[in-house]
Amino acid sequence: MNHNTTTKVLDLQKKTKAELEDLVNAYAKKHGPPKSHYDGAKNTLFGWTEDGKGVWVLPTTKANFERFEGIARSRSDLGHDAHSHREIMRLAGAEFFADWRDSDRARAVKEAKPRR
C-alpha cells in the first residue's frame, strides 16, 4: 500500500458561482442527478393538525434541531402536548401546509408502503 499519495482538495471558497455550478454539473453528468426520493420520516420533524389534514414541517438540519430544542427549553410556559409541539415548530421556522399532500416530505411519510 502506497502511503505517499496525496488527494487534491479544492478550495471552494475561492471559486466563483459559475465555477461552482460547473463543478456540480460535471458531477451530475458523471454520477447522475441526486435521488429525488426523500425519506421524510428520518430527516424531518412533523406537527400534524388535530384533523390530520395540515402539517407543520421542519427539516432536521443541525441548526433547525438546535433551534427547536432551544425554544423548547426556554419556553417553559408551553406544555408537552401536540399544540405546544406545533407552536415550538412554528417558532423554530417550520413551514405550514394546510393540505399535507402539498409537502413532499409529508407525502413520503403518509404514502410510504409499510415495511414487512
PDB file of N, CA and C in Angstrom:
ATOM      1  N   MET A   1       0.849  -1.172   0.000  1.00  0.00           N
ATOM      2  CA  MET A   1       0.000   0.000   0.000  1.00  0.00           C
ATOM      3  C   MET A   1       0.896   1.237   0.000  1.00  0.00           C
ATOM      4  N   ASN A   2       0.658   2.152  -0.889  1.00  0.00           N
ATOM      5  CA  ASN A   2       1.461   3.353  -1.017  1.00  0.00           C
ATOM      6  C   ASN A   2       0.851   4.472  -0.191  1.00  0.00           C
ATOM      7  N   HIS A   3       1.552   4.911   0.855  1.00  0.00           N
ATOM      8  CA  HIS A   3       1.058   5.961   1.735  1.00  0.00           C
ATOM      9  C   HIS A   3       1.536   7.343   1.312  1.00  0.00           C
ATOM     10  N   ASN A   4       2.255   7.417   0.200  1.00  0.00           N
ATOM     11  CA  ASN A   4       2.798   8.689  -0.262  1.00  0.00           C
ATOM     12  C   ASN A   4       1.884   9.401  -1.248  1.00  0.00           C
ATOM     13  N   THR A   5       0.728   8.859  -1.521  1.00  0.00           N
ATOM     14  CA  THR A   5      -0.187   9.505  -2.458  1.00  0.00           C
ATOM     15  C   THR A   5      -0.909  10.648  -1.759  1.00  0.00           C
ATOM     16  N   THR A   6      -1.229  11.655  -2.519  1.00  0.00           N
ATOM     17  CA  THR A   6      -1.968  12.791  -1.973  1.00  0.00           C
ATOM     18  C   THR A   6      -3.247  12.973  -2.759  1.00  0.00           C
ATOM     19  N   THR A   7      -4.225  13.520  -2.110  1.00  0.00           N
ATOM     20  CA  THR A   7      -5.500  13.816  -2.746  1.00  0.00           C
ATOM     21  C   THR A   7      -5.617  15.317  -2.872  1.00  0.00           C
ATOM     22  N   LYS A   8      -5.940  15.761  -4.072  1.00  0.00           N
ATOM     23  CA  LYS A   8      -6.092  17.194  -4.298  1.00  0.00           C
ATOM     24  C   LYS A   8      -7.408  17.654  -3.671  1.00  0.00           C
ATOM     25  N   VAL A   9      -7.333  18.672  -2.837  1.00  0.00           N
ATOM     26  CA  VAL A   9      -8.512  19.226  -2.180  1.00  0.00           C
ATOM     27  C   VAL A   9      -8.803  20.583  -2.804  1.00  0.00           C
ATOM     28  N   LEU A  10     -10.023  20.766  -3.282  1.00  0.00           N
ATOM     29  CA  LEU A  10     -10.409  22.037  -3.893  1.00  0.00           C
ATOM     30  C   LEU A  10     -10.722  23.068  -2.823  1.00  0.00           C
ATOM     31  N   ASP A  11     -10.276  24.288  -3.048  1.00  0.00           N
ATOM     32  CA  ASP A  11     -10.637  25.386  -2.160  1.00  0.00           C
ATOM     33  C   ASP A  11     -11.883  26.039  -2.748  1.00  0.00           C
ATOM     34  N   LEU A  12     -13.048  25.585  -2.312  1.00  0.00           N
ATOM     35  CA  LEU A  12     -14.310  26.040  -2.894  1.00  0.00           C
ATOM     36  C   LEU A  12     -14.619  27.499  -2.573  1.00  0.00           C
ATOM     37  N   GLN A  13     -14.036  28.020  -1.506  1.00  0.00           N
ATOM     38  CA  GLN A  13     -14.306  29.410  -1.138  1.00  0.00           C
ATOM     39  C   GLN A  13     -13.732  30.391  -2.150  1.00  0.00           C
ATOM     40  N   LYS A  14     -12.749  29.964  -2.913  1.00  0.00           N
ATOM     41  CA  LYS A  14     -12.133  30.842  -3.904  1.00  0.00           C
ATOM     42  C   LYS A  14     -12.796  30.716  -5.279  1.00  0.00           C
ATOM     43  N   LYS A  15     -13.752  29.812  -5.407  1.00  0.00           N
ATOM     44  CA  LYS A  15     -14.442  29.594  -6.680  1.00  0.00           C
ATOM     45  C   LYS A  15     -15.568  30.608  -6.855  1.00  0.00           C
ATOM     46  N   THR A  16     -15.793  30.996  -8.108  1.00  0.00           N
ATOM     47  CA  THR A  16     -16.928  31.859  -8.418  1.00  0.00           C
ATOM     48  C   THR A  16     -18.189  31.018  -8.459  1.00  0.00           C
ATOM     49  N   LYS A  17     -19.333  31.658  -8.474  1.00  0.00           N
ATOM     50  CA  LYS A  17     -20.605  30.938  -8.555  1.00  0.00           C
ATOM     51  C   LYS A  17     -20.653  30.088  -9.826  1.00  0.00           C
ATOM     52  N   ALA A  18     -20.196  30.655 -10.941  1.00  0.00           N
ATOM     53  CA  ALA A  18     -20.200  29.920 -12.215  1.00  0.00           C
ATOM     54  C   ALA A  18     -19.304  28.685 -12.138  1.00  0.00           C
ATOM     55  N   GLU A  19     -18.144  28.828 -11.483  1.00  0.00           N
ATOM     56  CA  GLU A  19     -17.236  27.687 -11.342  1.00  0.00           C
ATOM     57  C   GLU A  19     -17.856  26.601 -10.455  1.00  0.00           C
ATOM     58  N   LEU A  20     -18.533  27.007  -9.408  1.00  0.00           N
ATOM     59  CA  LEU A  20     -19.198  26.031  -8.534  1.00  0.00           C
ATOM     60  C   LEU A  20     -20.309  25.310  -9.279  1.00  0.00           C
ATOM     61  N   GLU A  21     -21.090  26.055 -10.059  1.00  0.00           N
ATOM     62  CA  GLU A  21     -22.156  25.428 -10.845  1.00  0.00           C
ATOM     63  C   GLU A  21     -21.577  24.441 -11.853  1.00  0.00           C
ATOM     64  N   ASP A  22     -20.432  24.785 -12.462  1.00  0.00           N
ATOM     65  CA  ASP A  22     -19.773  23.866 -13.393  1.00  0.00           C
ATOM     66  C   ASP A  22     -19.343  22.581 -12.693  1.00  0.00           C
ATOM     67  N   LEU A  23     -18.820  22.705 -11.465  1.00  0.00           N
ATOM     68  CA  LEU A  23     -18.432  21.523 -10.694  1.00  0.00           C
ATOM     69  C   LEU A  23     -19.633  20.624 -10.409  1.00  0.00           C
ATOM     70  N   VAL A  24     -20.731  21.239  -9.989  1.00  0.00           N
ATOM     71  CA  VAL A  24     -21.947  20.476  -9.699  1.00  0.00           C
ATOM     72  C   VAL A  24     -22.464  19.798 -10.962  1.00  0.00           C
ATOM     73  N   ASN A  25     -22.498  20.530 -12.068  1.00  0.00           N
ATOM     74  CA  ASN A  25     -22.979  19.959 -13.335  1.00  0.00           C
ATOM     75  C   ASN A  25     -22.088  18.816 -13.806  1.00  0.00           C
ATOM     76  N   ALA A  26     -20.760  18.967 -13.661  1.00  0.00           N
ATOM     77  CA  ALA A  26     -19.840  17.898 -14.063  1.00  0.00           C
ATOM     78  C   ALA A  26     -20.053  16.656 -13.202  1.00  0.00           C
ATOM     79  N   TYR A  27     -20.256  16.863 -11.902  1.00  0.00           N
ATOM     80  CA  TYR A  27     -20.516  15.736 -11.000  1.00  0.00           C
ATOM     81  C   TYR A  27     -21.814  15.033 -11.384  1.00  0.00           C
ATOM     82  N   ALA A  28     -22.869  15.821 -11.642  1.00  0.00           N
ATOM     83  CA  ALA A  28     -24.162  15.242 -12.022  1.00  0.00           C
ATOM     84  C   ALA A  28     -24.062  14.494 -13.340  1.00  0.00           C
ATOM     85  N   LYS A  29     -23.273  15.017 -14.265  1.00  0.00           N
ATOM     86  CA  LYS A  29     -23.102  14.345 -15.561  1.00  0.00           C
ATOM     87  C   LYS A  29     -22.409  13.003 -15.375  1.00  0.00           C
ATOM     88  N   LYS A  30     -21.422  12.964 -14.494  1.00  0.00           N
ATOM     89  CA  LYS A  30     -20.662  11.735 -14.260  1.00  0.00           C
ATOM     90  C   LYS A  30     -21.443  10.731 -13.413  1.00  0.00           C
ATOM     91  N   HIS A  31     -22.129  11.215 -12.360  1.00  0.00           N
ATOM     92  CA  HIS A  31     -22.765  10.320 -11.386  1.00  0.00           C
ATOM     93  C   HIS A  31     -24.284  10.282 -11.466  1.00  0.00           C
ATOM     94  N   GLY A  32     -24.871  11.122 -12.289  1.00  0.00           N
ATOM     95  CA  GLY A  32     -26.324  11.187 -12.389  1.00  0.00           C
ATOM     96  C   GLY A  32     -26.886  12.196 -11.407  1.00  0.00           C
ATOM     97  N   PRO A  33     -28.140  12.562 -11.610  1.00  0.00           N
ATOM     98  CA  PRO A  33     -28.761  13.547 -10.720  1.00  0.00           C
ATOM     99  C   PRO A  33     -28.971  12.971  -9.324  1.00  0.00           C
ATOM    100  N   PRO A  34     -29.134  13.833  -8.339  1.00  0.00           N
ATOM    101  CA  PRO A  34     -29.392  13.320  -6.986  1.00  0.00           C
ATOM    102  C   PRO A  34     -30.720  12.576  -6.946  1.00  0.00           C
ATOM    103  N   LYS A  35     -30.824  11.661  -6.017  1.00  0.00           N
ATOM    104  CA  LYS A  35     -32.066  10.905  -5.887  1.00  0.00           C
ATOM    105  C   LYS A  35     -33.194  11.834  -5.480  1.00  0.00           C
ATOM    106  N   SER A  36     -34.332  11.675  -6.122  1.00  0.00           N
ATOM    107  CA  SER A  36     -35.457  12.550  -5.806  1.00  0.00           C
ATOM    108  C   SER A  36     -36.260  12.034  -4.620  1.00  0.00           C
ATOM    109  N   HIS A  37     -36.078  10.759  -4.277  1.00  0.00           N
ATOM    110  CA  HIS A  37     -36.821  10.209  -3.141  1.00  0.00           C
ATOM    111  C   HIS A  37     -36.242  10.770  -1.847  1.00  0.00           C
ATOM    112  N   TYR A  38     -37.114  11.172  -0.965  1.00  0.00           N
ATOM    113  CA  TYR A  38     -36.680  11.734   0.313  1.00  0.00           C
ATOM    114  C   TYR A  38     -37.351  10.967   1.434  1.00  0.00           C
ATOM    115  N   ASP A  39     -36.566  10.481   2.361  1.00  0.00           N
ATOM    116  CA  ASP A  39     -37.115   9.748   3.491  1.00  0.00           C
ATOM    117  C   ASP A  39     -37.508  10.748   4.573  1.00  0.00           C
ATOM    118  N   GLY A  40     -38.689  11.308   4.439  1.00  0.00           N
ATOM    119  CA  GLY A  40     -39.141  12.361   5.336  1.00  0.00           C
ATOM    120  C   GLY A  40     -39.199  11.956   6.795  1.00  0.00           C
ATOM    121  N   ALA A  41     -39.548  10.721   7.069  1.00  0.00           N
ATOM    122  CA  ALA A  41     -39.681  10.294   8.457  1.00  0.00           C
ATOM    123  C   ALA A  41     -38.347  10.330   9.177  1.00  0.00           C
ATOM    124  N   LYS A  42     -37.274  10.108   8.453  1.00  0.00           N
ATOM    125  CA  LYS A  42     -35.964  10.020   9.082  1.00  0.00           C
ATOM    126  C   LYS A  42     -35.327  11.390   9.287  1.00  0.00           C
ATOM    127  N   ASN A  43     -35.690  12.363   8.480  1.00  0.00           N
ATOM    128  CA  ASN A  43     -34.979  13.632   8.476  1.00  0.00           C
ATOM    129  C   ASN A  43     -35.859  14.848   8.735  1.00  0.00           C
ATOM    130  N   THR A  44     -37.021  14.666   9.294  1.00  0.00           N
ATOM    131  CA  THR A  44     -37.965  15.762   9.432  1.00  0.00           C
ATOM    132  C   THR A  44     -38.765  15.629  10.719  1.00  0.00           C
ATOM    133  N   LEU A  45     -39.041  16.778  11.344  1.00  0.00           N
ATOM    134  CA  LEU A  45     -39.999  16.815  12.446  1.00  0.00           C
ATOM    135  C   LEU A  45     -41.340  17.237  11.870  1.00  0.00           C
ATOM    136  N   PHE A  46     -42.394  16.554  12.276  1.00  0.00           N
ATOM    137  CA  PHE A  46     -43.740  16.874  11.806  1.00  0.00           C
ATOM    138  C   PHE A  46     -44.609  17.290  12.978  1.00  0.00           C
ATOM    139  N   GLY A  47     -45.497  18.225  12.714  1.00  0.00           N
ATOM    140  CA  GLY A  47     -46.517  18.613  13.679  1.00  0.00           C
ATOM    141  C   GLY A  47     -47.854  18.582  12.970  1.00  0.00           C
ATOM    142  N   TRP A  48     -48.550  17.469  13.078  1.00  0.00           N
ATOM    143  CA  TRP A  48     -49.814  17.280  12.363  1.00  0.00           C
ATOM    144  C   TRP A  48     -50.934  18.021  13.086  1.00  0.00           C
ATOM    145  N   THR A  49     -51.846  18.607  12.311  1.00  0.00           N
ATOM    146  CA  THR A  49     -53.015  19.244  12.902  1.00  0.00           C
ATOM    147  C   THR A  49     -53.922  18.165  13.475  1.00  0.00           C
ATOM    148  N   GLU A  50     -54.800  18.563  14.364  1.00  0.00           N
ATOM    149  CA  GLU A  50     -55.661  17.578  15.026  1.00  0.00           C
ATOM    150  C   GLU A  50     -56.567  16.843  14.048  1.00  0.00           C
ATOM    151  N   ASP A  51     -56.957  17.513  12.959  1.00  0.00           N
ATOM    152  CA  ASP A  51     -57.811  16.841  11.977  1.00  0.00           C
ATOM    153  C   ASP A  51     -57.005  16.011  10.977  1.00  0.00           C
ATOM    154  N   GLY A  52     -55.666  16.084  11.060  1.00  0.00           N
ATOM    155  CA  GLY A  52     -54.808  15.286  10.192  1.00  0.00           C
ATOM    156  C   GLY A  52     -54.682  15.806   8.774  1.00  0.00           C
ATOM    157  N   LYS A  53     -55.287  16.947   8.480  1.00  0.00           N
ATOM    158  CA  LYS A  53     -55.238  17.477   7.118  1.00  0.00           C
ATOM    159  C   LYS A  53     -54.033  18.376   6.880  1.00  0.00           C
ATOM    160  N   GLY A  54     -53.625  19.115   7.885  1.00  0.00           N
ATOM    161  CA  GLY A  54     -52.496  20.035   7.756  1.00  0.00           C
ATOM    162  C   GLY A  54     -51.292  19.526   8.521  1.00  0.00           C
ATOM    163  N   VAL A  55     -50.128  20.125   8.208  1.00  0.00           N
ATOM    164  CA  VAL A  55     -48.906  19.680   8.868  1.00  0.00           C
ATOM    165  C   VAL A  55     -47.880  20.812   8.903  1.00  0.00           C
ATOM    166  N   TRP A  56     -47.172  20.898  10.030  1.00  0.00           N
ATOM    167  CA  TRP A  56     -46.001  21.748  10.154  1.00  0.00           C
ATOM    168  C   TRP A  56     -44.808  20.866   9.840  1.00  0.00           C
ATOM    169  N   VAL A  57     -43.891  21.341   8.998  1.00  0.00           N
ATOM    170  CA  VAL A  57     -42.753  20.537   8.557  1.00  0.00           C
ATOM    171  C   VAL A  57     -41.462  21.288   8.867  1.00  0.00           C
ATOM    172  N   LEU A  58     -40.572  20.642   9.608  1.00  0.00           N
ATOM    173  CA  LEU A  58     -39.279  21.233   9.947  1.00  0.00           C
ATOM    174  C   LEU A  58     -38.179  20.233   9.608  1.00  0.00           C
ATOM    175  N   PRO A  59     -37.430  20.490   8.518  1.00  0.00           N
ATOM    176  CA  PRO A  59     -36.297  19.607   8.211  1.00  0.00           C
ATOM    177  C   PRO A  59     -35.313  19.627   9.373  1.00  0.00           C
ATOM    178  N   THR A  60     -34.792  18.477   9.747  1.00  0.00           N
ATOM    179  CA  THR A  60     -33.928  18.412  10.929  1.00  0.00           C
ATOM    180  C   THR A  60     -32.462  18.584  10.559  1.00  0.00           C
ATOM    181  N   THR A  61     -32.157  19.775  10.043  1.00  0.00           N
ATOM    182  CA  THR A  61     -30.751  20.129   9.920  1.00  0.00           C
ATOM    183  C   THR A  61     -30.248  20.359  11.335  1.00  0.00           C
ATOM    184  N   LYS A  62     -28.947  20.393  11.508  1.00  0.00           N
ATOM    185  CA  LYS A  62     -28.399  20.600  12.845  1.00  0.00           C
ATOM    186  C   LYS A  62     -28.894  21.931  13.426  1.00  0.00           C
ATOM    187  N   ALA A  63     -28.884  22.979  12.601  1.00  0.00           N
ATOM    188  CA  ALA A  63     -29.311  24.301  13.074  1.00  0.00           C
ATOM    189  C   ALA A  63     -30.790  24.298  13.452  1.00  0.00           C
ATOM    190  N   ASN A  64     -31.635  23.700  12.617  1.00  0.00           N
ATOM    191  CA  ASN A  64     -33.074  23.649  12.917  1.00  0.00           C
ATOM    192  C   ASN A  64     -33.347  22.868  14.188  1.00  0.00           C
ATOM    193  N   PHE A  65     -32.667  21.734  14.347  1.00  0.00           N
ATOM    194  CA  PHE A  65     -32.913  20.910  15.522  1.00  0.00           C
ATOM    195  C   PHE A  65     -32.446  21.621  16.784  1.00  0.00           C
ATOM    196  N   GLU A  66     -31.286  22.284  16.714  1.00  0.00           N
ATOM    197  CA  GLU A  66     -30.802  23.029  17.880  1.00  0.00           C
ATOM    198  C   GLU A  66     -31.748  24.180  18.220  1.00  0.00           C
ATOM    199  N   ARG A  67     -32.276  24.857  17.193  1.00  0.00           N
ATOM    200  CA  ARG A  67     -33.227  25.954  17.426  1.00  0.00           C
ATOM    201  C   ARG A  67     -34.498  25.405  18.069  1.00  0.00           C
ATOM    202  N   PHE A  68     -35.002  24.281  17.560  1.00  0.00           N
ATOM    203  CA  PHE A  68     -36.198  23.646  18.118  1.00  0.00           C
ATOM    204  C   PHE A  68     -35.974  23.304  19.592  1.00  0.00           C
ATOM    205  N   GLU A  69     -34.859  22.645  19.896  1.00  0.00           N
ATOM    206  CA  GLU A  69     -34.573  22.257  21.277  1.00  0.00           C
ATOM    207  C   GLU A  69     -34.384  23.477  22.178  1.00  0.00           C
ATOM    208  N   GLY A  70     -33.710  24.517  21.666  1.00  0.00           N
ATOM    209  CA  GLY A  70     -33.501  25.731  22.447  1.00  0.00           C
ATOM    210  C   GLY A  70     -34.811  26.407  22.802  1.00  0.00           C
ATOM    211  N   ILE A  71     -35.729  26.472  21.847  1.00  0.00           N
ATOM    212  CA  ILE A  71     -37.039  27.075  22.096  1.00  0.00           C
ATOM    213  C   ILE A  71     -37.813  26.230  23.100  1.00  0.00           C
ATOM    214  N   ALA A  72     -37.760  24.923  22.934  1.00  0.00           N
ATOM    215  CA  ALA A  72     -38.477  24.023  23.849  1.00  0.00           C
ATOM    216  C   ALA A  72     -37.971  24.191  25.280  1.00  0.00           C
ATOM    217  N   ARG A  73     -36.658  24.344  25.444  1.00  0.00           N
ATOM    218  CA  ARG A  73     -36.087  24.522  26.786  1.00  0.00           C
ATOM    219  C   ARG A  73     -36.422  25.896  27.367  1.00  0.00           C
ATOM    220  N   SER A  74     -36.383  26.933  26.527  1.00  0.00           N
ATOM    221  CA  SER A  74     -36.566  28.291  27.040  1.00  0.00           C
ATOM    222  C   SER A  74     -38.023  28.676  27.239  1.00  0.00           C
ATOM    223  N   ARG A  75     -38.943  27.954  26.616  1.00  0.00           N
ATOM    224  CA  ARG A  75     -40.361  28.294  26.728  1.00  0.00           C
ATOM    225  C   ARG A  75     -41.066  27.314  27.658  1.00  0.00           C
ATOM    226  N   SER A  76     -40.761  27.439  28.930  1.00  0.00           N
ATOM    227  CA  SER A  76     -41.379  26.536  29.906  1.00  0.00           C
ATOM    228  C   SER A  76     -42.877  26.773  30.031  1.00  0.00           C
ATOM    229  N   ASP A  77     -43.353  27.920  29.489  1.00  0.00           N
ATOM    230  CA  ASP A  77     -44.789  28.187  29.526  1.00  0.00           C
ATOM    231  C   ASP A  77     -45.562  27.276  28.579  1.00  0.00           C
ATOM    232  N   LEU A  78     -44.863  26.687  27.622  1.00  0.00           N
ATOM    233  CA  LEU A  78     -45.514  25.756  26.705  1.00  0.00           C
ATOM    234  C   LEU A  78     -45.479  24.363  27.317  1.00  0.00           C
ATOM    235  N   GLY A  79     -46.554  23.668  27.175  1.00  0.00           N
ATOM    236  CA  GLY A  79     -46.629  22.324  27.743  1.00  0.00           C
ATOM    237  C   GLY A  79     -45.969  21.300  26.843  1.00  0.00           C
ATOM    238  N   HIS A  80     -46.351  20.055  27.030  1.00  0.00           N
ATOM    239  CA  HIS A  80     -45.788  18.958  26.249  1.00  0.00           C
ATOM    240  C   HIS A  80     -46.848  18.290  25.392  1.00  0.00           C
ATOM    241  N   ASP A  81     -47.918  19.017  25.094  1.00  0.00           N
ATOM    242  CA  ASP A  81     -48.973  18.437  24.276  1.00  0.00           C
ATOM    243  C   ASP A  81     -48.715  18.746  22.801  1.00  0.00           C
ATOM    244  N   ALA A  82     -49.581  18.228  21.938  1.00  0.00           N
ATOM    245  CA  ALA A  82     -49.412  18.387  20.490  1.00  0.00           C
ATOM    246  C   ALA A  82     -49.476  19.854  20.074  1.00  0.00           C
ATOM    247  N   HIS A  83     -50.361  20.619  20.679  1.00  0.00           N
ATOM    248  CA  HIS A  83     -50.469  22.042  20.328  1.00  0.00           C
ATOM    249  C   HIS A  83     -49.160  22.773  20.640  1.00  0.00           C
ATOM    250  N   SER A  84     -48.569  22.495  21.787  1.00  0.00           N
ATOM    251  CA  SER A  84     -47.302  23.128  22.167  1.00  0.00           C
ATOM    252  C   SER A  84     -46.181  22.727  21.219  1.00  0.00           C
ATOM    253  N   HIS A  85     -46.165  21.455  20.824  1.00  0.00           N
ATOM    254  CA  HIS A  85     -45.169  20.950  19.882  1.00  0.00           C
ATOM    255  C   HIS A  85     -45.250  21.729  18.565  1.00  0.00           C
ATOM    256  N   ARG A  86     -46.467  21.938  18.060  1.00  0.00           N
ATOM    257  CA  ARG A  86     -46.650  22.683  16.810  1.00  0.00           C
ATOM    258  C   ARG A  86     -46.228  24.141  16.983  1.00  0.00           C
ATOM    259  N   GLU A  87     -46.500  24.737  18.138  1.00  0.00           N
ATOM    260  CA  GLU A  87     -46.112  26.123  18.389  1.00  0.00           C
ATOM    261  C   GLU A  87     -44.584  26.259  18.406  1.00  0.00           C
ATOM    262  N   ILE A  88     -43.902  25.320  19.026  1.00  0.00           N
ATOM    263  CA  ILE A  88     -42.445  25.338  19.033  1.00  0.00           C
ATOM    264  C   ILE A  88     -41.914  25.191  17.611  1.00  0.00           C
ATOM    265  N   MET A  89     -42.542  24.320  16.838  1.00  0.00           N
ATOM    266  CA  MET A  89     -42.124  24.147  15.451  1.00  0.00           C
ATOM    267  C   MET A  89     -42.304  25.446  14.671  1.00  0.00           C
ATOM    268  N   ARG A  90     -43.418  26.124  14.887  1.00  0.00           N
ATOM    269  CA  ARG A  90     -43.672  27.397  14.196  1.00  0.00           C
ATOM    270  C   ARG A  90     -42.585  28.403  14.553  1.00  0.00           C
ATOM    271  N   LEU A  91     -42.276  28.504  15.840  1.00  0.00           N
ATOM    272  CA  LEU A  91     -41.247  29.431  16.291  1.00  0.00           C
ATOM    273  C   LEU A  91     -39.855  29.064  15.755  1.00  0.00           C
ATOM    274  N   ALA A  92     -39.631  27.789  15.519  1.00  0.00           N
ATOM    275  CA  ALA A  92     -38.341  27.320  15.009  1.00  0.00           C
ATOM    276  C   ALA A  92     -38.214  27.500  13.499  1.00  0.00           C
ATOM    277  N   GLY A  93     -39.297  27.938  12.852  1.00  0.00           N
ATOM    278  CA  GLY A  93     -39.226  28.198  11.415  1.00  0.00           C
ATOM    279  C   GLY A  93     -39.823  27.123  10.531  1.00  0.00           C
ATOM    280  N   ALA A  94     -40.634  26.239  11.116  1.00  0.00           N
ATOM    281  CA  ALA A  94     -41.266  25.195  10.311  1.00  0.00           C
ATOM    282  C   ALA A  94     -42.226  25.815   9.298  1.00  0.00           C
ATOM    283  N   GLU A  95     -42.418  25.111   8.207  1.00  0.00           N
ATOM    284  CA  GLU A  95     -43.341  25.549   7.167  1.00  0.00           C
ATOM    285  C   GLU A  95     -44.675  24.841   7.377  1.00  0.00           C
ATOM    286  N   PHE A  96     -45.767  25.589   7.229  1.00  0.00           N
ATOM    287  CA  PHE A  96     -47.092  25.006   7.409  1.00  0.00           C
ATOM    288  C   PHE A  96     -47.731  24.706   6.065  1.00  0.00           C
ATOM    289  N   PHE A  97     -48.306  23.527   5.956  1.00  0.00           N
ATOM    290  CA  PHE A  97     -49.064  23.112   4.775  1.00  0.00           C
ATOM    291  C   PHE A  97     -50.474  22.793   5.230  1.00  0.00           C
ATOM    292  N   ALA A  98     -51.469  23.552   4.715  1.00  0.00           N
ATOM    293  CA  ALA A  98     -52.867  23.306   5.077  1.00  0.00           C
ATOM    294  C   ALA A  98     -53.304  21.929   4.587  1.00  0.00           C
ATOM    295  N   ASP A  99     -52.749  21.485   3.477  1.00  0.00           N
ATOM    296  CA  ASP A  99     -53.011  20.143   2.945  1.00  0.00           C
ATOM    297  C   ASP A  99     -51.680  19.403   2.928  1.00  0.00           C
ATOM    298  N   TRP A 100     -51.554  18.336   3.686  1.00  0.00           N
ATOM    299  CA  TRP A 100     -50.298  17.607   3.802  1.00  0.00           C
ATOM    300  C   TRP A 100     -49.796  17.121   2.456  1.00  0.00           C
ATOM    301  N   ARG A 101     -50.687  16.945   1.476  1.00  0.00           N
ATOM    302  CA  ARG A 101     -50.285  16.465   0.149  1.00  0.00           C
ATOM    303  C   ARG A 101     -49.401  17.476  -0.583  1.00  0.00           C
ATOM    304  N   ASP A 102     -49.411  18.732  -0.126  1.00  0.00           N
ATOM    305  CA  ASP A 102     -48.584  19.768  -0.747  1.00  0.00           C
ATOM    306  C   ASP A 102     -47.129  19.716  -0.280  1.00  0.00           C
ATOM    307  N   SER A 103     -46.832  18.874   0.693  1.00  0.00           N
ATOM    308  CA  SER A 103     -45.474  18.731   1.215  1.00  0.00           C
ATOM    309  C   SER A 103     -44.872  17.406   0.745  1.00  0.00           C
ATOM    310  N   ASP A 104     -43.750  17.488   0.014  1.00  0.00           N
ATOM    311  CA  ASP A 104     -43.074  16.268  -0.434  1.00  0.00           C
ATOM    312  C   ASP A 104     -42.682  15.394   0.748  1.00  0.00           C
ATOM    313  N   ARG A 105     -42.242  16.025   1.820  1.00  0.00           N
ATOM    314  CA  ARG A 105     -41.792  15.270   2.990  1.00  0.00           C
ATOM    315  C   ARG A 105     -42.955  14.542   3.666  1.00  0.00           C
ATOM    316  N   ALA A 106     -44.090  15.228   3.805  1.00  0.00           N
ATOM    317  CA  ALA A 106     -45.254  14.592   4.431  1.00  0.00           C
ATOM    318  C   ALA A 106     -45.782  13.462   3.551  1.00  0.00           C
ATOM    319  N   ARG A 107     -45.784  13.673   2.239  1.00  0.00           N
ATOM    320  CA  ARG A 107     -46.237  12.607   1.333  1.00  0.00           C
ATOM    321  C   ARG A 107     -45.334  11.387   1.437  1.00  0.00           C
ATOM    322  N   ALA A 108     -44.021  11.611   1.590  1.00  0.00           N
ATOM    323  CA  ALA A 108     -43.088  10.493   1.705  1.00  0.00           C
ATOM    324  C   ALA A 108     -43.434   9.621   2.906  1.00  0.00           C
ATOM    325  N   VAL A 109     -43.967  10.240   3.967  1.00  0.00           N
ATOM    326  CA  VAL A 109     -44.332   9.500   5.167  1.00  0.00           C
ATOM    327  C   VAL A 109     -45.705   8.873   5.029  1.00  0.00           C
ATOM    328  N   LYS A 110     -46.687   9.677   4.649  1.00  0.00           N
ATOM    329  CA  LYS A 110     -48.076   9.204   4.594  1.00  0.00           C
ATOM    330  C   LYS A 110     -48.292   8.137   3.528  1.00  0.00           C
ATOM    331  N   GLU A 111     -47.588   8.265   2.401  1.00  0.00           N
ATOM    332  CA  GLU A 111     -47.826   7.350   1.296  1.00  0.00           C
ATOM    333  C   GLU A 111     -46.811   6.216   1.237  1.00  0.00           C
ATOM    334  N   ALA A 112     -45.911   6.142   2.212  1.00  0.00           N
ATOM    335  CA  ALA A 112     -44.898   5.089   2.224  1.00  0.00           C
ATOM    336  C   ALA A 112     -45.558   3.735   2.450  1.00  0.00           C
ATOM    337  N   LYS A 113     -45.036   2.763   1.776  1.00  0.00           N
ATOM    338  CA  LYS A 113     -45.552   1.409   1.979  1.00  0.00           C
ATOM    339  C   LYS A 113     -44.989   0.875   3.280  1.00  0.00           C
ATOM    340  N   PRO A 114     -45.815   0.200   4.076  1.00  0.00           N
ATOM    341  CA  PRO A 114     -45.334  -0.337   5.351  1.00  0.00           C
ATOM    342  C   PRO A 114     -44.239  -1.379   5.128  1.00  0.00           C
ATOM    343  N   ARG A 115     -43.245  -1.380   6.018  1.00  0.00           N
ATOM    344  CA  ARG A 115     -42.178  -2.382   5.937  1.00  0.00           C
ATOM    345  C   ARG A 115     -42.684  -3.685   6.516  1.00  0.00           C
ATOM    346  N   ARG A 116     -42.228  -4.765   5.954  1.00  0.00           N
ATOM    347  CA  ARG A 116     -42.658  -6.084   6.441  1.00  0.00           C
ATOM    348  C   ARG A 116     -41.523  -6.810   7.070  1.00  0.00           C
TER     349      ARG A 116
END
